[in-house]
Amino acid sequence: MNYFNEVFKELRLGENLTQEQLGQELGVPQHTIAKWERGIHTPKLNMLIKIADYFEVTLDYLVGRSF
């Protein structure tokens, strides 16, 4: 199960952002956001960091890592 795609979509919807708006904020096309949300692709580490910073969450939270 890919936790990232679920939490990523929840974060976007929680901010009332469209895929297009979030893509503009992150510097990626809308179709990339859609692929991340569907679990087709997962962002690389540098983009995960950018996403975590944008939503003010930890990388652990984004990937479902708990201790």
N, C-alpha and C. Protein backbone atom coordinates (compact mmCIF):
# COMPACT_ATOMS: atom_id res chain seq x y z
N MET A 1 0.84 -1.18 0.00
CA MET A 1 0.00 0.00 0.00
C MET A 1 0.88 1.25 0.00
N ASN A 2 0.52 2.20 -0.80
CA ASN A 2 1.27 3.44 -0.93
C ASN A 2 0.61 4.51 -0.07
N TYR A 3 1.16 4.75 1.09
CA TYR A 3 0.59 5.74 2.01
C TYR A 3 0.71 7.15 1.45
N PHE A 4 1.83 7.46 0.78
CA PHE A 4 2.07 8.81 0.29
C PHE A 4 0.92 9.34 -0.54
N ASN A 5 0.43 8.56 -1.49
CA ASN A 5 -0.60 9.08 -2.38
C ASN A 5 -1.85 9.49 -1.62
N GLU A 6 -2.20 8.78 -0.57
CA GLU A 6 -3.39 9.10 0.20
C GLU A 6 -3.21 10.38 1.00
N VAL A 7 -2.09 10.48 1.72
CA VAL A 7 -1.86 11.66 2.56
C VAL A 7 -1.62 12.90 1.70
N PHE A 8 -0.97 12.73 0.57
CA PHE A 8 -0.72 13.85 -0.34
C PHE A 8 -2.04 14.44 -0.83
N LYS A 9 -2.95 13.60 -1.25
CA LYS A 9 -4.24 14.09 -1.71
C LYS A 9 -5.02 14.75 -0.58
N GLU A 10 -4.98 14.16 0.61
CA GLU A 10 -5.66 14.75 1.76
C GLU A 10 -5.10 16.13 2.09
N LEU A 11 -3.79 16.29 2.02
CA LEU A 11 -3.17 17.58 2.28
C LEU A 11 -3.62 18.61 1.25
N ARG A 12 -3.64 18.22 -0.01
CA ARG A 12 -4.06 19.14 -1.08
C ARG A 12 -5.51 19.57 -0.88
N LEU A 13 -6.38 18.59 -0.64
CA LEU A 13 -7.79 18.91 -0.46
C LEU A 13 -8.02 19.73 0.80
N GLY A 14 -7.24 19.47 1.84
CA GLY A 14 -7.34 20.23 3.08
C GLY A 14 -7.02 21.70 2.90
N GLU A 15 -6.21 22.00 1.91
CA GLU A 15 -5.87 23.38 1.59
C GLU A 15 -6.76 23.95 0.49
N ASN A 16 -7.75 23.17 0.07
CA ASN A 16 -8.67 23.58 -1.00
C ASN A 16 -7.94 23.99 -2.28
N LEU A 17 -6.94 23.20 -2.64
CA LEU A 17 -6.17 23.44 -3.85
C LEU A 17 -6.57 22.45 -4.94
N THR A 18 -6.62 22.92 -6.17
CA THR A 18 -6.79 22.01 -7.29
C THR A 18 -5.43 21.38 -7.60
N GLN A 19 -5.45 20.33 -8.38
CA GLN A 19 -4.19 19.74 -8.81
C GLN A 19 -3.37 20.75 -9.59
N GLU A 20 -4.02 21.55 -10.40
CA GLU A 20 -3.34 22.58 -11.19
C GLU A 20 -2.67 23.61 -10.28
N GLN A 21 -3.39 24.07 -9.28
CA GLN A 21 -2.83 25.08 -8.36
C GLN A 21 -1.63 24.53 -7.62
N LEU A 22 -1.75 23.31 -7.11
CA LEU A 22 -0.63 22.73 -6.38
C LEU A 22 0.55 22.49 -7.30
N GLY A 23 0.28 22.06 -8.51
CA GLY A 23 1.35 21.88 -9.48
C GLY A 23 2.11 23.17 -9.73
N GLN A 24 1.39 24.27 -9.84
CA GLN A 24 2.05 25.57 -10.03
C GLN A 24 2.91 25.92 -8.82
N GLU A 25 2.41 25.66 -7.63
CA GLU A 25 3.17 25.94 -6.41
C GLU A 25 4.45 25.12 -6.33
N LEU A 26 4.37 23.87 -6.77
CA LEU A 26 5.52 22.96 -6.68
C LEU A 26 6.39 22.96 -7.93
N GLY A 27 5.91 23.59 -9.00
CA GLY A 27 6.69 23.65 -10.23
C GLY A 27 6.62 22.39 -11.07
N VAL A 28 5.47 21.69 -10.99
CA VAL A 28 5.28 20.48 -11.80
C VAL A 28 3.93 20.58 -12.51
N PRO A 29 3.75 19.86 -13.61
CA PRO A 29 2.46 19.89 -14.31
C PRO A 29 1.35 19.16 -13.53
N GLN A 30 0.14 19.52 -13.84
CA GLN A 30 -1.03 18.92 -13.17
C GLN A 30 -1.03 17.41 -13.30
N HIS A 31 -0.64 16.89 -14.46
CA HIS A 31 -0.69 15.43 -14.64
C HIS A 31 0.29 14.71 -13.71
N THR A 32 1.35 15.39 -13.29
CA THR A 32 2.28 14.79 -12.33
C THR A 32 1.61 14.67 -10.96
N ILE A 33 0.91 15.72 -10.56
CA ILE A 33 0.16 15.68 -9.29
C ILE A 33 -0.85 14.53 -9.34
N ALA A 34 -1.55 14.38 -10.45
CA ALA A 34 -2.55 13.31 -10.60
C ALA A 34 -1.89 11.94 -10.48
N LYS A 35 -0.74 11.75 -11.08
CA LYS A 35 -0.04 10.46 -11.00
C LYS A 35 0.41 10.15 -9.58
N TRP A 36 0.86 11.18 -8.86
CA TRP A 36 1.25 10.98 -7.47
C TRP A 36 0.05 10.57 -6.63
N GLU A 37 -1.07 11.24 -6.86
CA GLU A 37 -2.27 10.94 -6.08
C GLU A 37 -2.84 9.55 -6.38
N ARG A 38 -2.68 9.08 -7.59
CA ARG A 38 -3.17 7.74 -7.95
C ARG A 38 -2.17 6.65 -7.60
N GLY A 39 -0.99 7.03 -7.16
CA GLY A 39 0.02 6.04 -6.79
C GLY A 39 0.75 5.45 -7.98
N ILE A 40 0.65 6.10 -9.13
CA ILE A 40 1.34 5.63 -10.33
C ILE A 40 2.83 5.92 -10.22
N HIS A 41 3.15 7.09 -9.69
CA HIS A 41 4.53 7.49 -9.47
C HIS A 41 4.65 8.06 -8.06
N THR A 42 5.87 8.07 -7.56
CA THR A 42 6.18 8.70 -6.28
C THR A 42 7.28 9.72 -6.52
N PRO A 43 7.16 10.88 -5.92
CA PRO A 43 8.19 11.91 -6.14
C PRO A 43 9.55 11.48 -5.62
N LYS A 44 10.59 12.05 -6.22
CA LYS A 44 11.95 11.82 -5.75
C LYS A 44 12.15 12.59 -4.44
N LEU A 45 13.24 12.27 -3.75
CA LEU A 45 13.50 12.82 -2.43
C LEU A 45 13.47 14.34 -2.41
N ASN A 46 14.11 14.98 -3.38
CA ASN A 46 14.15 16.45 -3.36
C ASN A 46 12.73 17.04 -3.47
N MET A 47 11.85 16.39 -4.20
CA MET A 47 10.47 16.86 -4.30
C MET A 47 9.69 16.52 -3.04
N LEU A 48 9.95 15.38 -2.44
CA LEU A 48 9.29 15.06 -1.17
C LEU A 48 9.61 16.11 -0.11
N ILE A 49 10.85 16.57 -0.09
CA ILE A 49 11.25 17.61 0.85
C ILE A 49 10.49 18.90 0.55
N LYS A 50 10.38 19.24 -0.71
CA LYS A 50 9.65 20.45 -1.12
C LYS A 50 8.17 20.35 -0.72
N ILE A 51 7.58 19.18 -0.90
CA ILE A 51 6.18 18.97 -0.52
C ILE A 51 6.02 19.08 1.00
N ALA A 52 6.91 18.46 1.74
CA ALA A 52 6.85 18.52 3.20
C ALA A 52 6.98 19.96 3.68
N ASP A 53 7.89 20.70 3.09
CA ASP A 53 8.05 22.11 3.46
C ASP A 53 6.80 22.91 3.11
N TYR A 54 6.24 22.67 1.95
CA TYR A 54 5.06 23.42 1.51
C TYR A 54 3.89 23.21 2.47
N PHE A 55 3.65 21.97 2.86
CA PHE A 55 2.52 21.66 3.73
C PHE A 55 2.89 21.72 5.23
N GLU A 56 4.15 22.01 5.51
CA GLU A 56 4.64 22.10 6.88
C GLU A 56 4.40 20.81 7.66
N VAL A 57 4.81 19.70 7.04
CA VAL A 57 4.75 18.38 7.67
C VAL A 57 6.13 17.75 7.56
N THR A 58 6.33 16.65 8.26
CA THR A 58 7.62 15.96 8.18
C THR A 58 7.62 14.95 7.04
N LEU A 59 8.81 14.57 6.64
CA LEU A 59 8.93 13.50 5.65
C LEU A 59 8.36 12.20 6.20
N ASP A 60 8.58 11.94 7.48
CA ASP A 60 8.02 10.74 8.10
C ASP A 60 6.50 10.71 7.94
N TYR A 61 5.86 11.85 8.15
CA TYR A 61 4.40 11.91 8.00
C TYR A 61 4.00 11.62 6.56
N LEU A 62 4.71 12.20 5.62
CA LEU A 62 4.36 12.00 4.20
C LEU A 62 4.41 10.54 3.77
N VAL A 63 5.36 9.81 4.31
CA VAL A 63 5.55 8.43 3.86
C VAL A 63 4.98 7.39 4.82
N GLY A 64 4.33 7.88 5.89
CA GLY A 64 3.68 6.95 6.81
C GLY A 64 4.61 6.23 7.75
N ARG A 65 5.77 6.81 7.99
CA ARG A 65 6.75 6.20 8.89
C ARG A 65 6.43 6.60 10.32
N SER A 66 6.34 5.61 11.18
CA SER A 66 6.11 5.88 12.59
C SER A 66 7.10 5.09 13.43
N PHE A 67 7.28 5.53 14.63
CA PHE A 67 8.24 4.89 15.53
C PHE A 67 7.53 4.13 16.61
